[in-house]
Amino acid sequence: MFRVQVPSRFEAAAYLLLVLGAAGDWVSTGIGLRGGLAEGNALAAALMGSGQWVSVDLTLVATLVVVPYVVNRAIKNKAARALWVFPVLAGLLKVAVCLWNINLIV
C-alpha cells in the first residue's frame, strides 16, 4: 500500500517551514502577551482564554504535515505531489505572523 520514499527537498522544506513558522509564532506570541500586548485574533484569543490554543494549533500543524505525507505515499498520482503547497502556504502565514509579532515587540 505505501511505498518507502524519502521526502523530496521541496516537501521536506515545506514541512520544516511550517514547523519553524509555528514555533516562531508560539514563542513570539508568548513573549508579546507577557510584554503587555493583546491578541488581535479573536479566535486565537478565545482559544487562549480556554487554554486550548496550543493544542488546536499543534493539531493543525500535525494535520498539515501528516495528511500530505501519507497521501503522497499512498496515491501514485503525480497530482497528489502538489499537496506540499498547503504546508508551504501555512508555513509562510505562520512566519509572517511571527515577524509581525516581533515587529510589535520591538
PDB file of N, CA and C in Angstrom:
ATOM      1  N   MET A   1       0.830  -1.190   0.000  1.00  0.00           N
ATOM      2  CA  MET A   1       0.000   0.000   0.000  1.00  0.00           C
ATOM      3  C   MET A   1       0.872   1.250   0.000  1.00  0.00           C
ATOM      4  N   PHE A   2       1.812   1.348   0.923  1.00  0.00           N
ATOM      5  CA  PHE A   2       2.682   2.513   0.986  1.00  0.00           C
ATOM      6  C   PHE A   2       4.024   2.163   0.369  1.00  0.00           C
ATOM      7  N   ARG A   3       4.559   3.080  -0.355  1.00  0.00           N
ATOM      8  CA  ARG A   3       5.904   2.861  -0.865  1.00  0.00           C
ATOM      9  C   ARG A   3       6.855   3.659   0.008  1.00  0.00           C
ATOM     10  N   VAL A   4       7.997   3.080   0.236  1.00  0.00           N
ATOM     11  CA  VAL A   4       9.000   3.748   1.058  1.00  0.00           C
ATOM     12  C   VAL A   4       9.650   4.819   0.202  1.00  0.00           C
ATOM     13  N   GLN A   5       9.578   6.031   0.683  1.00  0.00           N
ATOM     14  CA  GLN A   5      10.092   7.154  -0.098  1.00  0.00           C
ATOM     15  C   GLN A   5      10.554   8.248   0.850  1.00  0.00           C
ATOM     16  N   VAL A   6      11.742   8.720   0.627  1.00  0.00           N
ATOM     17  CA  VAL A   6      12.249   9.847   1.387  1.00  0.00           C
ATOM     18  C   VAL A   6      11.606  11.109   0.817  1.00  0.00           C
ATOM     19  N   PRO A   7      11.163  12.034   1.664  1.00  0.00           N
ATOM     20  CA  PRO A   7      10.564  13.261   1.134  1.00  0.00           C
ATOM     21  C   PRO A   7      11.548  14.009   0.231  1.00  0.00           C
ATOM     22  N   SER A   8      11.003  14.594  -0.824  1.00  0.00           N
ATOM     23  CA  SER A   8      11.850  15.397  -1.704  1.00  0.00           C
ATOM     24  C   SER A   8      12.330  16.632  -0.944  1.00  0.00           C
ATOM     25  N   ARG A   9      13.285  17.323  -1.516  1.00  0.00           N
ATOM     26  CA  ARG A   9      13.802  18.527  -0.846  1.00  0.00           C
ATOM     27  C   ARG A   9      12.702  19.559  -0.668  1.00  0.00           C
ATOM     28  N   PHE A  10      11.835  19.696  -1.673  1.00  0.00           N
ATOM     29  CA  PHE A  10      10.753  20.681  -1.575  1.00  0.00           C
ATOM     30  C   PHE A  10       9.747  20.274  -0.511  1.00  0.00           C
ATOM     31  N   GLU A  11       9.415  19.001  -0.463  1.00  0.00           N
ATOM     32  CA  GLU A  11       8.462  18.523   0.522  1.00  0.00           C
ATOM     33  C   GLU A  11       9.029  18.684   1.935  1.00  0.00           C
ATOM     34  N   ALA A  12      10.272  18.303   2.130  1.00  0.00           N
ATOM     35  CA  ALA A  12      10.898  18.445   3.441  1.00  0.00           C
ATOM     36  C   ALA A  12      10.999  19.917   3.842  1.00  0.00           C
ATOM     37  N   ALA A  13      11.317  20.775   2.881  1.00  0.00           N
ATOM     38  CA  ALA A  13      11.401  22.212   3.167  1.00  0.00           C
ATOM     39  C   ALA A  13      10.027  22.767   3.546  1.00  0.00           C
ATOM     40  N   ALA A  14       8.973  22.262   2.915  1.00  0.00           N
ATOM     41  CA  ALA A  14       7.614  22.715   3.228  1.00  0.00           C
ATOM     42  C   ALA A  14       7.260  22.371   4.674  1.00  0.00           C
ATOM     43  N   TYR A  15       7.565  21.135   5.077  1.00  0.00           N
ATOM     44  CA  TYR A  15       7.264  20.725   6.449  1.00  0.00           C
ATOM     45  C   TYR A  15       8.111  21.506   7.444  1.00  0.00           C
ATOM     46  N   LEU A  16       9.365  21.713   7.129  1.00  0.00           N
ATOM     47  CA  LEU A  16      10.255  22.463   8.011  1.00  0.00           C
ATOM     48  C   LEU A  16       9.800  23.913   8.153  1.00  0.00           C
ATOM     49  N   LEU A  17       9.390  24.528   7.039  1.00  0.00           N
ATOM     50  CA  LEU A  17       8.885  25.900   7.075  1.00  0.00           C
ATOM     51  C   LEU A  17       7.665  26.003   7.983  1.00  0.00           C
ATOM     52  N   LEU A  18       6.767  25.046   7.875  1.00  0.00           N
ATOM     53  CA  LEU A  18       5.568  25.051   8.707  1.00  0.00           C
ATOM     54  C   LEU A  18       5.917  24.899  10.187  1.00  0.00           C
ATOM     55  N   VAL A  19       6.777  23.949  10.504  1.00  0.00           N
ATOM     56  CA  VAL A  19       7.124  23.705  11.909  1.00  0.00           C
ATOM     57  C   VAL A  19       7.881  24.902  12.501  1.00  0.00           C
ATOM     58  N   LEU A  20       8.838  25.438  11.762  1.00  0.00           N
ATOM     59  CA  LEU A  20       9.581  26.602  12.261  1.00  0.00           C
ATOM     60  C   LEU A  20       8.686  27.833  12.371  1.00  0.00           C
ATOM     61  N   GLY A  21       7.797  28.031  11.412  1.00  0.00           N
ATOM     62  CA  GLY A  21       6.869  29.155  11.479  1.00  0.00           C
ATOM     63  C   GLY A  21       5.937  29.045  12.673  1.00  0.00           C
ATOM     64  N   ALA A  22       5.434  27.830  12.928  1.00  0.00           N
ATOM     65  CA  ALA A  22       4.550  27.621  14.076  1.00  0.00           C
ATOM     66  C   ALA A  22       5.295  27.853  15.384  1.00  0.00           C
ATOM     67  N   ALA A  23       6.514  27.341  15.473  1.00  0.00           N
ATOM     68  CA  ALA A  23       7.307  27.548  16.695  1.00  0.00           C
ATOM     69  C   ALA A  23       7.596  29.032  16.913  1.00  0.00           C
ATOM     70  N   GLY A  24       7.929  29.741  15.843  1.00  0.00           N
ATOM     71  CA  GLY A  24       8.168  31.179  15.951  1.00  0.00           C
ATOM     72  C   GLY A  24       6.923  31.929  16.377  1.00  0.00           C
ATOM     73  N   ASP A  25       5.780  31.513  15.855  1.00  0.00           N
ATOM     74  CA  ASP A  25       4.511  32.142  16.229  1.00  0.00           C
ATOM     75  C   ASP A  25       4.222  31.903  17.700  1.00  0.00           C
ATOM     76  N   TRP A  26       4.388  30.670  18.170  1.00  0.00           N
ATOM     77  CA  TRP A  26       4.113  30.355  19.568  1.00  0.00           C
ATOM     78  C   TRP A  26       5.020  31.143  20.495  1.00  0.00           C
ATOM     79  N   VAL A  27       6.303  31.172  20.193  1.00  0.00           N
ATOM     80  CA  VAL A  27       7.263  31.866  21.063  1.00  0.00           C
ATOM     81  C   VAL A  27       7.026  33.374  21.040  1.00  0.00           C
ATOM     82  N   SER A  28       6.892  33.951  19.844  1.00  0.00           N
ATOM     83  CA  SER A  28       6.717  35.403  19.755  1.00  0.00           C
ATOM     84  C   SER A  28       5.381  35.852  20.346  1.00  0.00           C
ATOM     85  N   THR A  29       4.356  35.041  20.209  1.00  0.00           N
ATOM     86  CA  THR A  29       3.066  35.386  20.813  1.00  0.00           C
ATOM     87  C   THR A  29       3.177  35.347  22.330  1.00  0.00           C
ATOM     88  N   GLY A  30       3.832  34.327  22.857  1.00  0.00           N
ATOM     89  CA  GLY A  30       4.009  34.243  24.315  1.00  0.00           C
ATOM     90  C   GLY A  30       4.790  35.421  24.867  1.00  0.00           C
ATOM     91  N   ILE A  31       5.864  35.793  24.181  1.00  0.00           N
ATOM     92  CA  ILE A  31       6.667  36.934  24.626  1.00  0.00           C
ATOM     93  C   ILE A  31       5.856  38.222  24.543  1.00  0.00           C
ATOM     94  N   GLY A  32       5.121  38.388  23.456  1.00  0.00           N
ATOM     95  CA  GLY A  32       4.303  39.590  23.297  1.00  0.00           C
ATOM     96  C   GLY A  32       3.215  39.700  24.340  1.00  0.00           C
ATOM     97  N   LEU A  33       2.562  38.592  24.658  1.00  0.00           N
ATOM     98  CA  LEU A  33       1.499  38.623  25.664  1.00  0.00           C
ATOM     99  C   LEU A  33       2.059  38.917  27.051  1.00  0.00           C
ATOM    100  N   ARG A  34       3.229  38.359  27.360  1.00  0.00           N
ATOM    101  CA  ARG A  34       3.857  38.664  28.649  1.00  0.00           C
ATOM    102  C   ARG A  34       4.336  40.102  28.711  1.00  0.00           C
ATOM    103  N   GLY A  35       4.621  40.684  27.535  1.00  0.00           N
ATOM    104  CA  GLY A  35       5.080  42.065  27.475  1.00  0.00           C
ATOM    105  C   GLY A  35       3.955  43.083  27.486  1.00  0.00           C
ATOM    106  N   GLY A  36       2.719  42.638  27.596  1.00  0.00           N
ATOM    107  CA  GLY A  36       1.597  43.556  27.700  1.00  0.00           C
ATOM    108  C   GLY A  36       0.806  43.746  26.426  1.00  0.00           C
ATOM    109  N   LEU A  37       1.173  43.071  25.342  1.00  0.00           N
ATOM    110  CA  LEU A  37       0.398  43.181  24.106  1.00  0.00           C
ATOM    111  C   LEU A  37      -0.868  42.334  24.212  1.00  0.00           C
ATOM    112  N   ALA A  38      -1.869  42.680  23.426  1.00  0.00           N
ATOM    113  CA  ALA A  38      -3.117  41.924  23.398  1.00  0.00           C
ATOM    114  C   ALA A  38      -3.188  41.109  22.114  1.00  0.00           C
ATOM    115  N   GLU A  39      -3.831  39.962  22.182  1.00  0.00           N
ATOM    116  CA  GLU A  39      -4.011  39.124  20.996  1.00  0.00           C
ATOM    117  C   GLU A  39      -5.033  39.776  20.077  1.00  0.00           C
ATOM    118  N   GLY A  40      -4.667  39.985  18.816  1.00  0.00           N
ATOM    119  CA  GLY A  40      -5.546  40.641  17.860  1.00  0.00           C
ATOM    120  C   GLY A  40      -6.507  39.708  17.160  1.00  0.00           C
ATOM    121  N   ASN A  41      -6.232  38.416  17.175  1.00  0.00           N
ATOM    122  CA  ASN A  41      -7.090  37.432  16.529  1.00  0.00           C
ATOM    123  C   ASN A  41      -8.129  36.956  17.544  1.00  0.00           C
ATOM    124  N   ALA A  42      -9.399  37.223  17.263  1.00  0.00           N
ATOM    125  CA  ALA A  42     -10.466  36.897  18.216  1.00  0.00           C
ATOM    126  C   ALA A  42     -10.562  35.396  18.474  1.00  0.00           C
ATOM    127  N   LEU A  43     -10.399  34.585  17.439  1.00  0.00           N
ATOM    128  CA  LEU A  43     -10.463  33.131  17.620  1.00  0.00           C
ATOM    129  C   LEU A  43      -9.295  32.639  18.479  1.00  0.00           C
ATOM    130  N   ALA A  44      -8.101  33.126  18.192  1.00  0.00           N
ATOM    131  CA  ALA A  44      -6.936  32.740  18.991  1.00  0.00           C
ATOM    132  C   ALA A  44      -7.096  33.210  20.438  1.00  0.00           C
ATOM    133  N   ALA A  45      -7.637  34.407  20.633  1.00  0.00           N
ATOM    134  CA  ALA A  45      -7.846  34.916  21.991  1.00  0.00           C
ATOM    135  C   ALA A  45      -8.844  34.041  22.751  1.00  0.00           C
ATOM    136  N   ALA A  46      -9.899  33.606  22.071  1.00  0.00           N
ATOM    137  CA  ALA A  46     -10.875  32.730  22.722  1.00  0.00           C
ATOM    138  C   ALA A  46     -10.252  31.380  23.069  1.00  0.00           C
ATOM    139  N   LEU A  47      -9.444  30.844  22.152  1.00  0.00           N
ATOM    140  CA  LEU A  47      -8.772  29.578  22.427  1.00  0.00           C
ATOM    141  C   LEU A  47      -7.758  29.726  23.555  1.00  0.00           C
ATOM    142  N   MET A  48      -7.064  30.862  23.596  1.00  0.00           N
ATOM    143  CA  MET A  48      -6.114  31.109  24.684  1.00  0.00           C
ATOM    144  C   MET A  48      -6.838  31.211  26.014  1.00  0.00           C
ATOM    145  N   GLY A  49      -8.004  31.869  26.000  1.00  0.00           N
ATOM    146  CA  GLY A  49      -8.783  32.021  27.225  1.00  0.00           C
ATOM    147  C   GLY A  49      -9.254  30.693  27.788  1.00  0.00           C
ATOM    148  N   SER A  50      -9.502  29.729  26.908  1.00  0.00           N
ATOM    149  CA  SER A  50      -9.946  28.415  27.368  1.00  0.00           C
ATOM    150  C   SER A  50      -8.789  27.422  27.510  1.00  0.00           C
ATOM    151  N   GLY A  51      -7.564  27.885  27.234  1.00  0.00           N
ATOM    152  CA  GLY A  51      -6.400  27.028  27.384  1.00  0.00           C
ATOM    153  C   GLY A  51      -6.219  26.006  26.278  1.00  0.00           C
ATOM    154  N   GLN A  52      -6.836  26.243  25.129  1.00  0.00           N
ATOM    155  CA  GLN A  52      -6.782  25.273  24.035  1.00  0.00           C
ATOM    156  C   GLN A  52      -5.982  25.736  22.831  1.00  0.00           C
ATOM    157  N   TRP A  53      -5.391  26.902  22.880  1.00  0.00           N
ATOM    158  CA  TRP A  53      -4.731  27.457  21.700  1.00  0.00           C
ATOM    159  C   TRP A  53      -3.580  26.575  21.213  1.00  0.00           C
ATOM    160  N   VAL A  54      -2.703  26.171  22.109  1.00  0.00           N
ATOM    161  CA  VAL A  54      -1.546  25.380  21.706  1.00  0.00           C
ATOM    162  C   VAL A  54      -1.990  24.024  21.167  1.00  0.00           C
ATOM    163  N   SER A  55      -2.936  23.378  21.831  1.00  0.00           N
ATOM    164  CA  SER A  55      -3.365  22.054  21.371  1.00  0.00           C
ATOM    165  C   SER A  55      -4.066  22.121  20.015  1.00  0.00           C
ATOM    166  N   VAL A  56      -4.892  23.136  19.784  1.00  0.00           N
ATOM    167  CA  VAL A  56      -5.558  23.285  18.485  1.00  0.00           C
ATOM    168  C   VAL A  56      -4.541  23.624  17.408  1.00  0.00           C
ATOM    169  N   ASP A  57      -3.613  24.505  17.704  1.00  0.00           N
ATOM    170  CA  ASP A  57      -2.594  24.885  16.723  1.00  0.00           C
ATOM    171  C   ASP A  57      -1.665  23.709  16.428  1.00  0.00           C
ATOM    172  N   LEU A  58      -1.307  22.950  17.445  1.00  0.00           N
ATOM    173  CA  LEU A  58      -0.466  21.775  17.255  1.00  0.00           C
ATOM    174  C   LEU A  58      -1.185  20.720  16.407  1.00  0.00           C
ATOM    175  N   THR A  59      -2.477  20.554  16.626  1.00  0.00           N
ATOM    176  CA  THR A  59      -3.268  19.625  15.816  1.00  0.00           C
ATOM    177  C   THR A  59      -3.308  20.078  14.357  1.00  0.00           C
ATOM    178  N   LEU A  60      -3.466  21.364  14.140  1.00  0.00           N
ATOM    179  CA  LEU A  60      -3.468  21.907  12.784  1.00  0.00           C
ATOM    180  C   LEU A  60      -2.130  21.667  12.085  1.00  0.00           C
ATOM    181  N   VAL A  61      -1.044  21.942  12.778  1.00  0.00           N
ATOM    182  CA  VAL A  61       0.287  21.740  12.204  1.00  0.00           C
ATOM    183  C   VAL A  61       0.523  20.260  11.912  1.00  0.00           C
ATOM    184  N   ALA A  62       0.173  19.394  12.852  1.00  0.00           N
ATOM    185  CA  ALA A  62       0.354  17.957  12.643  1.00  0.00           C
ATOM    186  C   ALA A  62      -0.464  17.460  11.457  1.00  0.00           C
ATOM    187  N   THR A  63      -1.675  17.948  11.320  1.00  0.00           N
ATOM    188  CA  THR A  63      -2.519  17.551  10.192  1.00  0.00           C
ATOM    189  C   THR A  63      -1.927  18.014   8.870  1.00  0.00           C
ATOM    190  N   LEU A  64      -1.385  19.234   8.859  1.00  0.00           N
ATOM    191  CA  LEU A  64      -0.793  19.760   7.625  1.00  0.00           C
ATOM    192  C   LEU A  64       0.527  19.091   7.268  1.00  0.00           C
ATOM    193  N   VAL A  65       1.083  18.321   8.177  1.00  0.00           N
ATOM    194  CA  VAL A  65       2.277  17.528   7.856  1.00  0.00           C
ATOM    195  C   VAL A  65       1.876  16.098   7.509  1.00  0.00           C
ATOM    196  N   VAL A  66       1.038  15.491   8.336  1.00  0.00           N
ATOM    197  CA  VAL A  66       0.712  14.069   8.178  1.00  0.00           C
ATOM    198  C   VAL A  66      -0.106  13.796   6.922  1.00  0.00           C
ATOM    199  N   VAL A  67      -1.129  14.590   6.650  1.00  0.00           N
ATOM    200  CA  VAL A  67      -2.006  14.308   5.503  1.00  0.00           C
ATOM    201  C   VAL A  67      -1.245  14.353   4.176  1.00  0.00           C
ATOM    202  N   PRO A  68      -0.508  15.419   3.860  1.00  0.00           N
ATOM    203  CA  PRO A  68       0.233  15.387   2.592  1.00  0.00           C
ATOM    204  C   PRO A  68       1.281  14.271   2.548  1.00  0.00           C
ATOM    205  N   TYR A  69       1.927  14.009   3.682  1.00  0.00           N
ATOM    206  CA  TYR A  69       2.952  12.968   3.721  1.00  0.00           C
ATOM    207  C   TYR A  69       2.354  11.603   3.389  1.00  0.00           C
ATOM    208  N   VAL A  70       1.243  11.256   4.044  1.00  0.00           N
ATOM    209  CA  VAL A  70       0.615   9.953   3.827  1.00  0.00           C
ATOM    210  C   VAL A  70      -0.003   9.859   2.437  1.00  0.00           C
ATOM    211  N   VAL A  71      -0.704  10.906   2.007  1.00  0.00           N
ATOM    212  CA  VAL A  71      -1.354  10.870   0.685  1.00  0.00           C
ATOM    213  C   VAL A  71      -0.317  10.743  -0.424  1.00  0.00           C
ATOM    214  N   ASN A  72       0.802  11.438  -0.294  1.00  0.00           N
ATOM    215  CA  ASN A  72       1.845  11.348  -1.316  1.00  0.00           C
ATOM    216  C   ASN A  72       2.437   9.955  -1.414  1.00  0.00           C
ATOM    217  N   ARG A  73       2.359   9.193  -0.351  1.00  0.00           N
ATOM    218  CA  ARG A  73       2.907   7.850  -0.378  1.00  0.00           C
ATOM    219  C   ARG A  73       1.851   6.796  -0.696  1.00  0.00           C
ATOM    220  N   ALA A  74       0.592   7.106  -0.454  1.00  0.00           N
ATOM    221  CA  ALA A  74      -0.483   6.146  -0.711  1.00  0.00           C
ATOM    222  C   ALA A  74      -1.006   6.225  -2.139  1.00  0.00           C
ATOM    223  N   ILE A  75      -0.985   7.413  -2.724  1.00  0.00           N
ATOM    224  CA  ILE A  75      -1.519   7.618  -4.074  1.00  0.00           C
ATOM    225  C   ILE A  75      -0.351   7.765  -5.034  1.00  0.00           C
ATOM    226  N   LYS A  76      -0.393   7.030  -6.084  1.00  0.00           N
ATOM    227  CA  LYS A  76       0.709   7.055  -7.034  1.00  0.00           C
ATOM    228  C   LYS A  76       0.514   8.118  -8.120  1.00  0.00           C
ATOM    229  N   ASN A  77      -0.456   8.981  -7.947  1.00  0.00           N
ATOM    230  CA  ASN A  77      -0.770  10.024  -8.912  1.00  0.00           C
ATOM    231  C   ASN A  77       0.150  11.225  -8.696  1.00  0.00           C
ATOM    232  N   LYS A  78       0.634  11.792  -9.784  1.00  0.00           N
ATOM    233  CA  LYS A  78       1.526  12.957  -9.657  1.00  0.00           C
ATOM    234  C   LYS A  78       0.794  14.184  -9.124  1.00  0.00           C
ATOM    235  N   ALA A  79      -0.503  14.246  -9.304  1.00  0.00           N
ATOM    236  CA  ALA A  79      -1.266  15.392  -8.804  1.00  0.00           C
ATOM    237  C   ALA A  79      -1.224  15.458  -7.273  1.00  0.00           C
ATOM    238  N   ALA A  80      -1.080  14.317  -6.613  1.00  0.00           N
ATOM    239  CA  ALA A  80      -1.024  14.302  -5.148  1.00  0.00           C
ATOM    240  C   ALA A  80       0.244  14.977  -4.644  1.00  0.00           C
ATOM    241  N   ARG A  81       1.270  15.041  -5.468  1.00  0.00           N
ATOM    242  CA  ARG A  81       2.522  15.680  -5.047  1.00  0.00           C
ATOM    243  C   ARG A  81       2.335  17.176  -4.790  1.00  0.00           C
ATOM    244  N   ALA A  82       1.314  17.764  -5.360  1.00  0.00           N
ATOM    245  CA  ALA A  82       1.069  19.194  -5.170  1.00  0.00           C
ATOM    246  C   ALA A  82       0.569  19.521  -3.770  1.00  0.00           C
ATOM    247  N   LEU A  83       0.268  18.504  -2.978  1.00  0.00           N
ATOM    248  CA  LEU A  83      -0.233  18.751  -1.624  1.00  0.00           C
ATOM    249  C   LEU A  83       0.791  19.435  -0.728  1.00  0.00           C
ATOM    250  N   TRP A  84       2.071  19.395  -1.074  1.00  0.00           N
ATOM    251  CA  TRP A  84       3.059  20.078  -0.239  1.00  0.00           C
ATOM    252  C   TRP A  84       2.881  21.593  -0.297  1.00  0.00           C
ATOM    253  N   VAL A  85       2.034  22.072  -1.203  1.00  0.00           N
ATOM    254  CA  VAL A  85       1.756  23.511  -1.281  1.00  0.00           C
ATOM    255  C   VAL A  85       1.042  23.989  -0.008  1.00  0.00           C
ATOM    256  N   PHE A  86       0.187  23.157   0.561  1.00  0.00           N
ATOM    257  CA  PHE A  86      -0.566  23.569   1.743  1.00  0.00           C
ATOM    258  C   PHE A  86       0.331  23.819   2.957  1.00  0.00           C
ATOM    259  N   PRO A  87       1.296  22.937   3.267  1.00  0.00           N
ATOM    260  CA  PRO A  87       2.213  23.290   4.367  1.00  0.00           C
ATOM    261  C   PRO A  87       3.048  24.525   4.062  1.00  0.00           C
ATOM    262  N   VAL A  88       3.376  24.751   2.794  1.00  0.00           N
ATOM    263  CA  VAL A  88       4.144  25.950   2.431  1.00  0.00           C
ATOM    264  C   VAL A  88       3.328  27.206   2.724  1.00  0.00           C
ATOM    265  N   LEU A  89       2.076  27.209   2.281  1.00  0.00           N
ATOM    266  CA  LEU A  89       1.219  28.381   2.498  1.00  0.00           C
ATOM    267  C   LEU A  89       0.993  28.636   3.990  1.00  0.00           C
ATOM    268  N   ALA A  90       0.704  27.577   4.731  1.00  0.00           N
ATOM    269  CA  ALA A  90       0.501  27.733   6.169  1.00  0.00           C
ATOM    270  C   ALA A  90       1.793  28.167   6.852  1.00  0.00           C
ATOM    271  N   GLY A  91       2.916  27.618   6.415  1.00  0.00           N
ATOM    272  CA  GLY A  91       4.206  27.996   6.986  1.00  0.00           C
ATOM    273  C   GLY A  91       4.536  29.449   6.716  1.00  0.00           C
ATOM    274  N   LEU A  92       4.274  29.901   5.490  1.00  0.00           N
ATOM    275  CA  LEU A  92       4.516  31.315   5.166  1.00  0.00           C
ATOM    276  C   LEU A  92       3.634  32.227   6.010  1.00  0.00           C
ATOM    277  N   LEU A  93       2.397  31.829   6.219  1.00  0.00           N
ATOM    278  CA  LEU A  93       1.490  32.613   7.057  1.00  0.00           C
ATOM    279  C   LEU A  93       2.001  32.655   8.499  1.00  0.00           C
ATOM    280  N   LYS A  94       2.447  31.514   9.010  1.00  0.00           N
ATOM    281  CA  LYS A  94       2.968  31.468  10.380  1.00  0.00           C
ATOM    282  C   LYS A  94       4.233  32.321  10.524  1.00  0.00           C
ATOM    283  N   VAL A  95       5.112  32.275   9.524  1.00  0.00           N
ATOM    284  CA  VAL A  95       6.328  33.098   9.565  1.00  0.00           C
ATOM    285  C   VAL A  95       5.957  34.573   9.533  1.00  0.00           C
ATOM    286  N   ALA A  96       4.968  34.936   8.713  1.00  0.00           N
ATOM    287  CA  ALA A  96       4.527  36.331   8.644  1.00  0.00           C
ATOM    288  C   ALA A  96       3.970  36.787   9.995  1.00  0.00           C
ATOM    289  N   VAL A  97       3.201  35.934  10.647  1.00  0.00           N
ATOM    290  CA  VAL A  97       2.651  36.268  11.963  1.00  0.00           C
ATOM    291  C   VAL A  97       3.788  36.421  12.973  1.00  0.00           C
ATOM    292  N   CYS A  98       4.760  35.534  12.908  1.00  0.00           N
ATOM    293  CA  CYS A  98       5.919  35.618  13.803  1.00  0.00           C
ATOM    294  C   CYS A  98       6.661  36.937  13.597  1.00  0.00           C
ATOM    295  N   LEU A  99       6.913  37.295  12.353  1.00  0.00           N
ATOM    296  CA  LEU A  99       7.613  38.548  12.065  1.00  0.00           C
ATOM    297  C   LEU A  99       6.799  39.757  12.508  1.00  0.00           C
ATOM    298  N   TRP A 100       5.479  39.687  12.331  1.00  0.00           N
ATOM    299  CA  TRP A 100       4.618  40.776  12.792  1.00  0.00           C
ATOM    300  C   TRP A 100       4.692  40.904  14.310  1.00  0.00           C
ATOM    301  N   ASN A 101       4.656  39.774  15.014  1.00  0.00           N
ATOM    302  CA  ASN A 101       4.765  39.796  16.472  1.00  0.00           C
ATOM    303  C   ASN A 101       6.103  40.401  16.912  1.00  0.00           C
ATOM    304  N   ILE A 102       7.165  39.993  16.247  1.00  0.00           N
ATOM    305  CA  ILE A 102       8.482  40.542  16.588  1.00  0.00           C
ATOM    306  C   ILE A 102       8.510  42.045  16.349  1.00  0.00           C
ATOM    307  N   ASN A 103       7.896  42.480  15.260  1.00  0.00           N
ATOM    308  CA  ASN A 103       7.795  43.913  14.963  1.00  0.00           C
ATOM    309  C   ASN A 103       7.071  44.656  16.085  1.00  0.00           C
ATOM    310  N   LEU A 104       5.993  44.065  16.597  1.00  0.00           N
ATOM    311  CA  LEU A 104       5.245  44.706  17.684  1.00  0.00           C
ATOM    312  C   LEU A 104       6.033  44.700  18.996  1.00  0.00           C
ATOM    313  N   ILE A 105       6.784  43.647  19.229  1.00  0.00           N
ATOM    314  CA  ILE A 105       7.553  43.533  20.475  1.00  0.00           C
ATOM    315  C   ILE A 105       8.683  44.554  20.495  1.00  0.00           C
ATOM    316  N   VAL A 106       9.351  44.707  19.350  1.00  0.00           N
ATOM    317  CA  VAL A 106      10.500  45.620  19.270  1.00  0.00           C
ATOM    318  C   VAL A 106       9.955  47.022  19.152  1.00  0.00           C
TER     319      VAL A 106
END
